[in-house]
Amino acid sequence: MSDERPSLADLRIDRTAAPRRPLPSGQAVAVMVAAVLLAVGAAWWFNRTRPVAVRTAPAREVTSSGPATLLNASGYVTARREATVSSKVTGKILVLSCED
């Protein structure tokens, strides 16, 4: 048998030889945050909805020698929505009278 048996101290990892990576300084973190904010701002700017182009014209009074017809139509009107009207107070009708 050999006298050269490894001891427990030899099995430990030597951490003094490993170079330590320095933590990012405040200036490096600020640059990273600014870069992320710039990228988010650029993405928003290029993907935003564009405004709709609107053409305008000046309003002028129209004068004519004959009568001006503002609206001329025939037909009937229908409601877009139906509403139910009811009272918030409950009660009982005691007398219903009609006078002619």
C-alpha atoms as a PDB file:
ATOM      1  CA  MET A   1       0.000   0.000   0.000  1.00  0.00           C
ATOM      2  CA  SER A   2       0.980   3.502  -0.673  1.00  0.00           C
ATOM      3  CA  ASP A   3       1.539   6.130   1.986  1.00  0.00           C
ATOM      4  CA  GLU A   4       0.356   8.820  -0.380  1.00  0.00           C
ATOM      5  CA  ARG A   5      -3.332   8.735   0.483  1.00  0.00           C
ATOM      6  CA  PRO A   6      -5.140  12.016  -0.132  1.00  0.00           C
ATOM      7  CA  SER A   7      -6.308  13.727   2.981  1.00  0.00           C
ATOM      8  CA  LEU A   8      -9.561  15.616   3.327  1.00  0.00           C
ATOM      9  CA  ALA A   9      -7.692  18.937   3.152  1.00  0.00           C
ATOM     10  CA  ASP A  10      -6.412  18.014  -0.291  1.00  0.00           C
ATOM     11  CA  LEU A  11      -9.944  17.448  -1.566  1.00  0.00           C
ATOM     12  CA  ARG A  12     -11.088  21.024  -0.916  1.00  0.00           C
ATOM     13  CA  ILE A  13     -11.533  23.471  -3.776  1.00  0.00           C
ATOM     14  CA  ASP A  14      -8.995  26.261  -3.789  1.00  0.00           C
ATOM     15  CA  ARG A  15     -11.131  29.366  -4.230  1.00  0.00           C
ATOM     16  CA  THR A  16      -8.287  31.848  -3.914  1.00  0.00           C
ATOM     17  CA  ALA A  17      -7.050  31.060  -7.408  1.00  0.00           C
ATOM     18  CA  ALA A  18     -10.404  31.795  -9.104  1.00  0.00           C
ATOM     19  CA  PRO A  19     -10.610  35.428 -10.233  1.00  0.00           C
ATOM     20  CA  ARG A  20     -13.555  37.257  -8.768  1.00  0.00           C
ATOM     21  CA  ARG A  21     -15.829  38.928 -11.250  1.00  0.00           C
ATOM     22  CA  PRO A  22     -16.603  42.427 -10.011  1.00  0.00           C
ATOM     23  CA  LEU A  23     -20.202  43.449  -9.620  1.00  0.00           C
ATOM     24  CA  PRO A  24     -21.405  46.042 -12.119  1.00  0.00           C
ATOM     25  CA  SER A  25     -20.831  49.540 -10.859  1.00  0.00           C
ATOM     26  CA  GLY A  26     -23.605  52.098 -10.566  1.00  0.00           C
ATOM     27  CA  GLN A  27     -22.549  53.711 -13.818  1.00  0.00           C
ATOM     28  CA  ALA A  28     -22.752  50.401 -15.717  1.00  0.00           C
ATOM     29  CA  VAL A  29     -26.206  49.693 -14.279  1.00  0.00           C
ATOM     30  CA  ALA A  30     -27.356  53.183 -15.270  1.00  0.00           C
ATOM     31  CA  VAL A  31     -26.125  52.636 -18.834  1.00  0.00           C
ATOM     32  CA  MET A  32     -27.961  49.276 -19.012  1.00  0.00           C
ATOM     33  CA  VAL A  33     -31.205  50.786 -17.700  1.00  0.00           C
ATOM     34  CA  ALA A  34     -30.914  53.676 -20.164  1.00  0.00           C
ATOM     35  CA  ALA A  35     -30.354  51.232 -23.041  1.00  0.00           C
ATOM     36  CA  VAL A  36     -33.428  49.203 -22.070  1.00  0.00           C
ATOM     37  CA  LEU A  37     -35.557  52.349 -21.769  1.00  0.00           C
ATOM     38  CA  LEU A  38     -34.293  53.577 -25.133  1.00  0.00           C
ATOM     39  CA  ALA A  39     -35.165  50.231 -26.751  1.00  0.00           C
ATOM     40  CA  VAL A  40     -38.669  50.239 -25.227  1.00  0.00           C
ATOM     41  CA  GLY A  41     -39.215  53.852 -26.320  1.00  0.00           C
ATOM     42  CA  ALA A  42     -38.072  53.100 -29.865  1.00  0.00           C
ATOM     43  CA  ALA A  43     -40.342  50.038 -30.063  1.00  0.00           C
ATOM     44  CA  TRP A  44     -43.315  52.126 -28.896  1.00  0.00           C
ATOM     45  CA  TRP A  45     -42.493  54.965 -31.316  1.00  0.00           C
ATOM     46  CA  PHE A  46     -42.323  52.732 -34.391  1.00  0.00           C
ATOM     47  CA  ASN A  47     -45.383  50.610 -33.449  1.00  0.00           C
ATOM     48  CA  ARG A  48     -47.752  53.400 -32.361  1.00  0.00           C
ATOM     49  CA  THR A  49     -50.951  54.085 -34.274  1.00  0.00           C
ATOM     50  CA  ARG A  50     -50.586  56.869 -36.773  1.00  0.00           C
ATOM     51  CA  PRO A  51     -53.055  59.778 -36.752  1.00  0.00           C
ATOM     52  CA  VAL A  52     -55.672  59.823 -39.476  1.00  0.00           C
ATOM     53  CA  ALA A  53     -55.214  62.545 -42.083  1.00  0.00           C
ATOM     54  CA  VAL A  54     -58.219  64.856 -42.170  1.00  0.00           C
ATOM     55  CA  ARG A  55     -59.112  67.135 -45.050  1.00  0.00           C
ATOM     56  CA  THR A  56     -60.919  70.339 -44.127  1.00  0.00           C
ATOM     57  CA  ALA A  57     -62.925  72.793 -46.187  1.00  0.00           C
ATOM     58  CA  PRO A  58     -64.204  76.229 -45.226  1.00  0.00           C
ATOM     59  CA  ALA A  59     -67.951  76.559 -44.628  1.00  0.00           C
ATOM     60  CA  ARG A  60     -69.678  79.071 -46.890  1.00  0.00           C
ATOM     61  CA  GLU A  61     -73.193  80.385 -46.841  1.00  0.00           C
ATOM     62  CA  VAL A  62     -75.220  79.321 -49.852  1.00  0.00           C
ATOM     63  CA  THR A  63     -77.562  81.957 -51.174  1.00  0.00           C
ATOM     64  CA  SER A  64     -80.294  81.177 -53.630  1.00  0.00           C
ATOM     65  CA  SER A  65     -83.234  83.094 -55.042  1.00  0.00           C
ATOM     66  CA  GLY A  66     -85.828  80.364 -54.245  1.00  0.00           C
ATOM     67  CA  PRO A  67     -86.976  78.861 -50.954  1.00  0.00           C
ATOM     68  CA  ALA A  68     -84.348  76.772 -49.207  1.00  0.00           C
ATOM     69  CA  THR A  69     -85.362  73.216 -48.331  1.00  0.00           C
ATOM     70  CA  LEU A  70     -83.566  72.055 -45.229  1.00  0.00           C
ATOM     71  CA  LEU A  71     -84.976  68.530 -45.032  1.00  0.00           C
ATOM     72  CA  ASN A  72     -87.256  66.653 -47.333  1.00  0.00           C
ATOM     73  CA  ALA A  73     -87.832  62.991 -46.491  1.00  0.00           C
ATOM     74  CA  SER A  74     -90.576  60.440 -46.021  1.00  0.00           C
ATOM     75  CA  GLY A  75     -90.723  57.290 -43.921  1.00  0.00           C
ATOM     76  CA  TYR A  76     -90.827  56.463 -40.260  1.00  0.00           C
ATOM     77  CA  VAL A  77     -88.397  56.422 -37.361  1.00  0.00           C
ATOM     78  CA  THR A  78     -87.382  53.299 -35.453  1.00  0.00           C
ATOM     79  CA  ALA A  79     -85.459  53.255 -32.193  1.00  0.00           C
ATOM     80  CA  ARG A  80     -81.986  51.789 -31.987  1.00  0.00           C
ATOM     81  CA  ARG A  81     -82.517  50.723 -28.392  1.00  0.00           C
ATOM     82  CA  GLU A  82     -85.582  49.626 -26.499  1.00  0.00           C
ATOM     83  CA  ALA A  83     -86.181  51.093 -23.054  1.00  0.00           C
ATOM     84  CA  THR A  84     -88.435  49.850 -20.305  1.00  0.00           C
ATOM     85  CA  VAL A  85     -89.920  52.552 -18.114  1.00  0.00           C
ATOM     86  CA  SER A  86     -91.059  51.605 -14.640  1.00  0.00           C
ATOM     87  CA  SER A  87     -91.579  53.192 -11.267  1.00  0.00           C
ATOM     88  CA  LYS A  88     -89.262  52.592  -8.349  1.00  0.00           C
ATOM     89  CA  VAL A  89     -92.208  52.859  -5.962  1.00  0.00           C
ATOM     90  CA  THR A  90     -94.597  49.955  -5.632  1.00  0.00           C
ATOM     91  CA  GLY A  91     -98.247  50.565  -4.929  1.00  0.00           C
ATOM     92  CA  LYS A  92    -101.817  49.551  -5.564  1.00  0.00           C
ATOM     93  CA  ILE A  93    -104.291  51.448  -7.759  1.00  0.00           C
ATOM     94  CA  LEU A  94    -107.438  52.078  -5.739  1.00  0.00           C
ATOM     95  CA  VAL A  95    -109.482  54.095  -8.230  1.00  0.00           C
ATOM     96  CA  LEU A  96    -109.170  54.489 -11.988  1.00  0.00           C
ATOM     97  CA  SER A  97    -111.636  56.982 -13.330  1.00  0.00           C
ATOM     98  CA  CYS A  98    -112.104  58.394 -16.807  1.00  0.00           C
ATOM     99  CA  GLU A  99    -113.828  61.692 -17.300  1.00  0.00           C
ATOM    100  CA  ASP A 100    -115.295  62.521 -20.677  1.00  0.00           C
END
